[in-house]
Amino acid sequence: MTLTSPPNVCAACSPSPGCPKVGPSPSPPDLSRLSLNQKTTNNWGVREAAEGCVRAGIEYIGLWRDKVSETGLSESARVVRDAGLRVSSLCRGGMFTAAAERRARLEDNRRAVEEAAALGTDVLVLVCGPPPGKDLEAARVMVEEGINDLAPYAAEAGLRLAIEPFHPVLMQERSVIVTLSQALDIAERFEPDRVGVVVDVYHVYWDPDLYPQIERASGRIFGFHANDWLAPKPDLLLSRTMMGEGPIEIRRIREAVDAAGYAGPIEVEILNQDLWNSPGDEVLALTKERYLRHA
């Protein structure tokens, strides 16, 4: 991965997965919506990430529970508050499909709700869990039951639960919820302001039913994640790349999400070892540039 801007390319070659789409946008995003998801600068703890956001003029940060745990919950909340940042979401709750650990999972999810509230966000991202065996439908029932158990507790804390569908290549590792339609089938069993979805372009861009489902999700979109698809894939999990370096029509998806009523933060979430090995401030500078050009 390069941390320099690619040269301009002609319109004929810009749709190629290896050729970034460049040029003016009819509706560039407001920079005030940009949020740094902590995984984009994974080598930074909460303090370093918060300080980096301040230097870069980024107003939002998306936190991860492992990073918060390293720093401490109260200290993380203080650091973010003192930096003047707003927390767009906390990742993650979920993993509902471990049947033998159901009680422990529920307790952990309740802790996640409490942590999110303490950090000042009202969005807890749910990664729903892989199948424990070969019965995918049974696993999806377990997901629904887990969310049903958690939702009242989250509502009491003023938290919204955001189901994140994952790309099917990660089903055996991360989640049996692999389409926006499946996520909405569960979310629609609850009040619109309580359970909704996160639209992460990496996970959903391939779906031929994507745009009708985004329209269906109106009022239930609690987050939007921007990144791009890296090919060939050296690692299924760590193969996201910077916006504009892959085939995803990020801006088109973002505009559809906005048209469905979402006006919240746009998190840049990129899991990529080469990016993690790069200086964080350079990553943030490139993130801002590509956000404005492609998101």
Protein backbone atom coordinates (compact mmCIF):
# COMPACT_ATOMS: atom_id res chain seq x y z
CA MET A 1 0.00 0.00 0.00
CA THR A 2 1.25 3.43 -0.92
CA LEU A 3 0.75 6.43 1.32
CA THR A 4 1.10 8.86 -1.56
CA SER A 5 -1.69 10.06 -3.81
CA PRO A 6 -2.00 8.13 -7.09
CA PRO A 7 -1.62 10.00 -10.37
CA ASN A 8 -4.75 11.01 -12.24
CA VAL A 9 -6.02 8.40 -14.64
CA CYS A 10 -8.29 8.54 -17.63
CA ALA A 11 -12.00 7.89 -17.34
CA ALA A 12 -11.68 4.75 -19.43
CA CYS A 13 -9.40 2.98 -16.99
CA SER A 14 -10.76 4.36 -13.72
CA PRO A 15 -13.24 1.53 -13.08
CA SER A 16 -10.38 -0.99 -13.00
CA PRO A 17 -9.79 -2.49 -9.52
CA GLY A 18 -6.16 -1.41 -9.74
CA CYS A 19 -6.89 2.11 -10.88
CA PRO A 20 -8.29 4.64 -8.36
CA LYS A 21 -11.30 6.64 -9.42
CA VAL A 22 -10.34 10.28 -9.43
CA GLY A 23 -11.88 13.54 -10.50
CA PRO A 24 -14.41 16.01 -9.18
CA SER A 25 -17.41 14.82 -7.22
CA PRO A 26 -20.93 16.11 -7.64
CA SER A 27 -21.47 15.89 -3.88
CA PRO A 28 -18.30 15.70 -1.77
CA PRO A 29 -18.86 14.74 1.87
CA ASP A 30 -18.61 17.22 4.70
CA LEU A 31 -15.25 16.76 6.43
CA SER A 32 -16.98 17.25 9.77
CA ARG A 33 -18.55 13.79 9.34
CA LEU A 34 -15.20 11.99 9.10
CA SER A 35 -14.49 9.54 11.91
CA LEU A 36 -11.27 7.63 12.52
CA ASN A 37 -12.04 4.01 13.34
CA GLN A 38 -9.24 2.86 15.64
CA LYS A 39 -8.44 -0.16 13.50
CA THR A 40 -7.14 2.13 10.77
CA THR A 41 -4.26 3.13 13.05
CA ASN A 42 -4.16 -0.12 14.98
CA ASN A 43 -0.73 0.46 16.55
CA TRP A 44 -2.06 3.54 18.36
CA GLY A 45 -3.77 3.29 21.71
CA VAL A 46 -6.69 5.51 22.68
CA ARG A 47 -4.50 8.43 23.69
CA GLU A 48 -2.37 8.36 20.52
CA ALA A 49 -5.42 8.03 18.32
CA ALA A 50 -7.20 10.91 20.06
CA GLU A 51 -4.15 13.14 19.79
CA GLY A 52 -3.76 12.17 16.12
CA CYS A 53 -7.37 13.12 15.43
CA VAL A 54 -6.85 16.52 17.04
CA ARG A 55 -3.75 17.17 14.92
CA ALA A 56 -5.61 16.11 11.78
CA GLY A 57 -8.76 18.08 12.55
CA ILE A 58 -10.93 14.95 12.75
CA GLU A 59 -13.90 15.39 15.08
CA TYR A 60 -15.06 11.78 15.57
CA ILE A 61 -13.40 8.56 16.66
CA GLY A 62 -14.71 4.98 16.55
CA LEU A 63 -13.34 3.02 19.50
CA TRP A 64 -12.60 -0.68 19.99
CA ARG A 65 -13.09 -2.45 23.28
CA ASP A 66 -9.64 -4.05 23.32
CA LYS A 67 -7.98 -0.65 22.95
CA VAL A 68 -10.25 0.84 25.61
CA SER A 69 -9.37 -2.03 27.94
CA GLU A 70 -5.64 -1.39 27.47
CA THR A 71 -6.05 2.26 28.44
CA GLY A 72 -8.82 1.73 30.99
CA LEU A 73 -12.46 2.69 30.57
CA SER A 74 -12.51 5.82 32.70
CA GLU A 75 -9.18 7.04 31.34
CA SER A 76 -10.29 6.41 27.75
CA ALA A 77 -13.46 8.40 28.35
CA ARG A 78 -11.46 11.24 29.89
CA VAL A 79 -8.89 11.29 27.06
CA VAL A 80 -11.56 11.46 24.38
CA ARG A 81 -13.58 14.05 26.25
CA ASP A 82 -10.54 16.26 26.93
CA ALA A 83 -9.59 16.06 23.24
CA GLY A 84 -13.01 17.41 22.31
CA LEU A 85 -13.83 14.31 20.24
CA ARG A 86 -17.15 12.56 19.82
CA VAL A 87 -17.28 8.76 19.84
CA SER A 88 -19.12 7.57 16.73
CA SER A 89 -19.41 3.95 17.90
CA LEU A 90 -17.92 1.23 20.06
CA CYS A 91 -16.89 -2.07 18.50
CA ARG A 92 -17.84 -4.68 19.35
CA GLY A 93 -20.60 -6.65 20.96
CA GLY A 94 -22.17 -9.80 19.57
CA MET A 95 -20.67 -13.24 19.02
CA PHE A 96 -24.03 -14.72 19.92
CA THR A 97 -23.48 -18.13 18.33
CA ALA A 98 -21.38 -19.72 21.09
CA ALA A 99 -24.22 -21.76 22.56
CA ALA A 100 -22.16 -23.27 25.39
CA GLU A 101 -21.17 -19.79 26.53
CA ARG A 102 -24.54 -18.09 26.17
CA ARG A 103 -24.68 -16.67 29.69
CA ALA A 104 -21.08 -15.46 29.52
CA ARG A 105 -21.75 -13.87 26.12
CA LEU A 106 -24.80 -12.04 27.45
CA GLU A 107 -22.80 -10.74 30.41
CA ASP A 108 -20.01 -9.58 28.10
CA ASN A 109 -22.50 -7.84 25.84
CA ARG A 110 -24.01 -6.07 28.81
CA ARG A 111 -20.53 -4.89 29.76
CA ALA A 112 -20.12 -3.63 26.20
CA VAL A 113 -23.34 -1.63 26.58
CA GLU A 114 -22.06 -0.12 29.84
CA GLU A 115 -18.71 0.72 28.25
CA ALA A 116 -20.36 2.40 25.26
CA ALA A 117 -22.51 4.53 27.56
CA ALA A 118 -19.48 5.51 29.65
CA LEU A 119 -17.60 6.53 26.50
CA GLY A 120 -20.41 8.79 25.38
CA THR A 121 -21.59 6.95 22.28
CA ASP A 122 -25.06 5.60 21.68
CA VAL A 123 -24.03 3.00 19.05
CA LEU A 124 -22.74 -0.47 19.87
CA VAL A 125 -21.64 -2.39 16.77
CA LEU A 126 -22.61 -6.07 16.75
CA VAL A 127 -20.45 -8.69 15.02
CA CYS A 128 -22.86 -11.57 15.29
CA GLY A 129 -20.63 -14.65 15.34
CA PRO A 130 -19.64 -17.60 13.14
CA PRO A 131 -21.61 -20.85 12.90
CA PRO A 132 -20.71 -23.34 15.65
CA GLY A 133 -21.41 -26.18 13.20
CA LYS A 134 -22.92 -26.59 9.74
CA ASP A 135 -26.46 -25.46 10.55
CA LEU A 136 -26.44 -21.83 9.42
CA GLU A 137 -30.13 -21.28 10.03
CA ALA A 138 -29.81 -22.46 13.63
CA ALA A 139 -26.88 -20.09 14.10
CA ARG A 140 -28.95 -17.19 12.77
CA VAL A 141 -31.72 -18.05 15.21
CA MET A 142 -29.12 -17.86 17.98
CA VAL A 143 -28.15 -14.39 16.77
CA GLU A 144 -31.74 -13.22 16.89
CA GLU A 145 -32.19 -14.69 20.38
CA GLY A 146 -29.00 -13.02 21.58
CA ILE A 147 -30.09 -9.62 20.31
CA ASN A 148 -33.53 -10.15 21.82
CA ASP A 149 -31.88 -10.79 25.20
CA LEU A 150 -29.61 -7.75 24.91
CA ALA A 151 -31.99 -5.18 23.43
CA PRO A 152 -33.95 -4.33 26.62
CA TYR A 153 -30.72 -3.78 28.56
CA ALA A 154 -29.35 -1.57 25.78
CA ALA A 155 -32.59 0.41 25.63
CA GLU A 156 -32.40 1.14 29.36
CA ALA A 157 -28.89 2.56 28.80
CA GLY A 158 -29.99 4.63 25.80
CA LEU A 159 -27.89 2.50 23.44
CA ARG A 160 -28.70 1.56 19.87
CA LEU A 161 -27.59 -1.86 18.64
CA ALA A 162 -26.11 -1.81 15.14
CA ILE A 163 -25.92 -5.16 13.34
CA GLU A 164 -22.99 -5.26 10.92
CA PRO A 165 -23.43 -7.78 8.08
CA PHE A 166 -20.11 -9.31 7.03
CA HIS A 167 -18.84 -10.38 3.63
CA PRO A 168 -19.58 -14.10 3.09
CA VAL A 169 -15.86 -14.94 2.91
CA LEU A 170 -15.72 -14.19 6.64
CA MET A 171 -18.79 -16.20 7.62
CA GLN A 172 -16.82 -19.06 9.17
CA GLU A 173 -14.69 -16.66 11.17
CA ARG A 174 -16.90 -13.70 12.09
CA SER A 175 -20.60 -13.71 11.25
CA VAL A 176 -23.45 -15.73 9.80
CA ILE A 177 -25.20 -12.45 8.97
CA VAL A 178 -23.80 -11.79 5.50
CA THR A 179 -26.30 -9.51 3.76
CA LEU A 180 -28.03 -6.29 4.63
CA SER A 181 -31.32 -8.10 4.06
CA GLN A 182 -30.52 -10.68 6.76
CA ALA A 183 -29.52 -7.93 9.18
CA LEU A 184 -32.73 -6.03 8.51
CA ASP A 185 -34.86 -9.15 8.93
CA ILE A 186 -33.62 -9.21 12.53
CA ALA A 187 -33.59 -5.45 13.13
CA GLU A 188 -37.18 -5.04 11.99
CA ARG A 189 -38.35 -7.17 14.89
CA PHE A 190 -37.46 -4.24 17.16
CA GLU A 191 -38.27 -0.55 17.37
CA PRO A 192 -36.46 1.49 14.68
CA ASP A 193 -34.56 3.57 17.22
CA ARG A 194 -33.30 0.53 19.12
CA VAL A 195 -31.88 -1.99 16.62
CA GLY A 196 -30.51 -1.14 13.21
CA VAL A 197 -27.55 -1.76 10.93
CA VAL A 198 -24.07 -0.61 10.00
CA VAL A 199 -23.37 -0.34 6.28
CA ASP A 200 -19.71 -1.23 5.70
CA VAL A 201 -18.93 -0.99 2.00
CA TYR A 202 -16.28 -3.74 2.18
CA HIS A 203 -18.88 -6.23 3.35
CA VAL A 204 -21.90 -5.27 1.23
CA TYR A 205 -20.73 -3.72 -2.07
CA TRP A 206 -21.00 -7.03 -3.96
CA ASP A 207 -24.68 -7.60 -3.11
CA PRO A 208 -26.96 -7.31 -6.20
CA ASP A 209 -29.79 -6.31 -3.87
CA LEU A 210 -27.74 -3.65 -2.06
CA TYR A 211 -29.53 -0.46 -3.12
CA PRO A 212 -33.09 -1.68 -2.52
CA GLN A 213 -31.96 -2.90 0.89
CA ILE A 214 -30.37 0.45 1.73
CA GLU A 215 -33.70 2.10 0.87
CA ARG A 216 -35.46 -0.48 3.04
CA ALA A 217 -33.07 0.37 5.90
CA SER A 218 -34.27 3.99 6.07
CA GLY A 219 -34.44 5.01 9.72
CA ARG A 220 -32.34 2.05 10.84
CA ILE A 221 -28.89 2.98 9.53
CA PHE A 222 -26.78 3.68 12.61
CA GLY A 223 -23.34 3.79 10.97
CA PHE A 224 -21.45 3.88 7.69
CA HIS A 225 -17.92 2.50 7.14
CA ALA A 226 -15.71 3.50 4.22
CA ASN A 227 -12.78 1.48 2.88
CA ASP A 228 -11.97 -0.49 -0.27
CA TRP A 229 -11.39 -4.06 -1.48
CA LEU A 230 -7.82 -5.32 -1.84
CA ALA A 231 -7.13 -8.02 -4.42
CA PRO A 232 -5.51 -10.48 -4.48
CA LYS A 233 -6.24 -11.12 -0.83
CA PRO A 234 -3.23 -12.17 1.29
CA ASP A 235 -5.51 -12.42 4.32
CA LEU A 236 -9.31 -12.48 4.43
CA LEU A 237 -9.54 -10.24 7.49
CA LEU A 238 -6.66 -7.83 6.81
CA SER A 239 -7.37 -7.16 3.14
CA ARG A 240 -9.15 -3.85 3.20
CA THR A 241 -7.37 -0.96 1.57
CA MET A 242 -7.55 2.81 1.33
CA MET A 243 -10.51 4.33 -0.48
CA GLY A 244 -9.91 4.60 -4.21
CA GLU A 245 -7.52 1.66 -4.46
CA GLY A 246 -10.14 -0.95 -5.23
CA PRO A 247 -13.41 -1.51 -7.13
CA ILE A 248 -15.99 -0.29 -4.60
CA GLU A 249 -18.29 2.56 -5.63
CA ILE A 250 -17.92 4.17 -2.22
CA ARG A 251 -19.49 7.50 -3.06
CA ARG A 252 -22.49 5.93 -4.77
CA ILE A 253 -23.15 3.78 -1.70
CA ARG A 254 -22.65 6.71 0.64
CA GLU A 255 -25.08 8.84 -1.34
CA ALA A 256 -27.66 6.03 -1.19
CA VAL A 257 -27.18 5.77 2.57
CA ASP A 258 -27.59 9.53 2.91
CA ALA A 259 -30.73 9.41 0.75
CA ALA A 260 -32.09 6.80 3.17
CA GLY A 261 -31.84 9.38 5.93
CA TYR A 262 -28.42 8.76 7.45
CA ALA A 263 -26.53 11.96 8.27
CA GLY A 264 -24.13 10.68 10.92
CA PRO A 265 -20.39 10.03 11.06
CA ILE A 266 -18.54 8.26 8.24
CA GLU A 267 -16.01 5.92 9.82
CA VAL A 268 -12.92 5.00 7.86
CA GLU A 269 -12.18 1.45 9.02
CA ILE A 270 -9.25 -0.26 7.30
CA LEU A 271 -7.72 -3.50 8.56
CA ASN A 272 -4.42 -3.72 6.71
CA GLN A 273 -1.00 -4.62 8.14
CA ASP A 274 0.92 -2.39 5.72
CA LEU A 275 -1.20 0.56 6.81
CA TRP A 276 -0.69 -0.32 10.46
CA ASN A 277 3.08 -0.34 9.90
CA SER A 278 2.98 3.20 8.47
CA PRO A 279 3.32 6.41 10.53
CA GLY A 280 -0.09 7.24 11.95
CA ASP A 281 -0.07 10.91 11.01
CA GLU A 282 0.67 10.01 7.38
CA VAL A 283 -2.23 7.56 7.45
CA LEU A 284 -4.57 10.25 8.75
CA ALA A 285 -3.45 12.74 6.11
CA LEU A 286 -4.11 10.21 3.37
CA THR A 287 -7.40 9.23 5.00
CA LYS A 288 -8.66 12.81 4.82
CA GLU A 289 -7.58 13.17 1.19
CA ARG A 290 -9.19 9.94 0.03
CA TYR A 291 -12.31 10.57 2.10
CA LEU A 292 -12.90 13.85 0.30
CA ARG A 293 -12.15 12.31 -3.09
CA HIS A 294 -14.03 9.03 -2.83
CA ALA A 295 -16.49 8.94 0.10
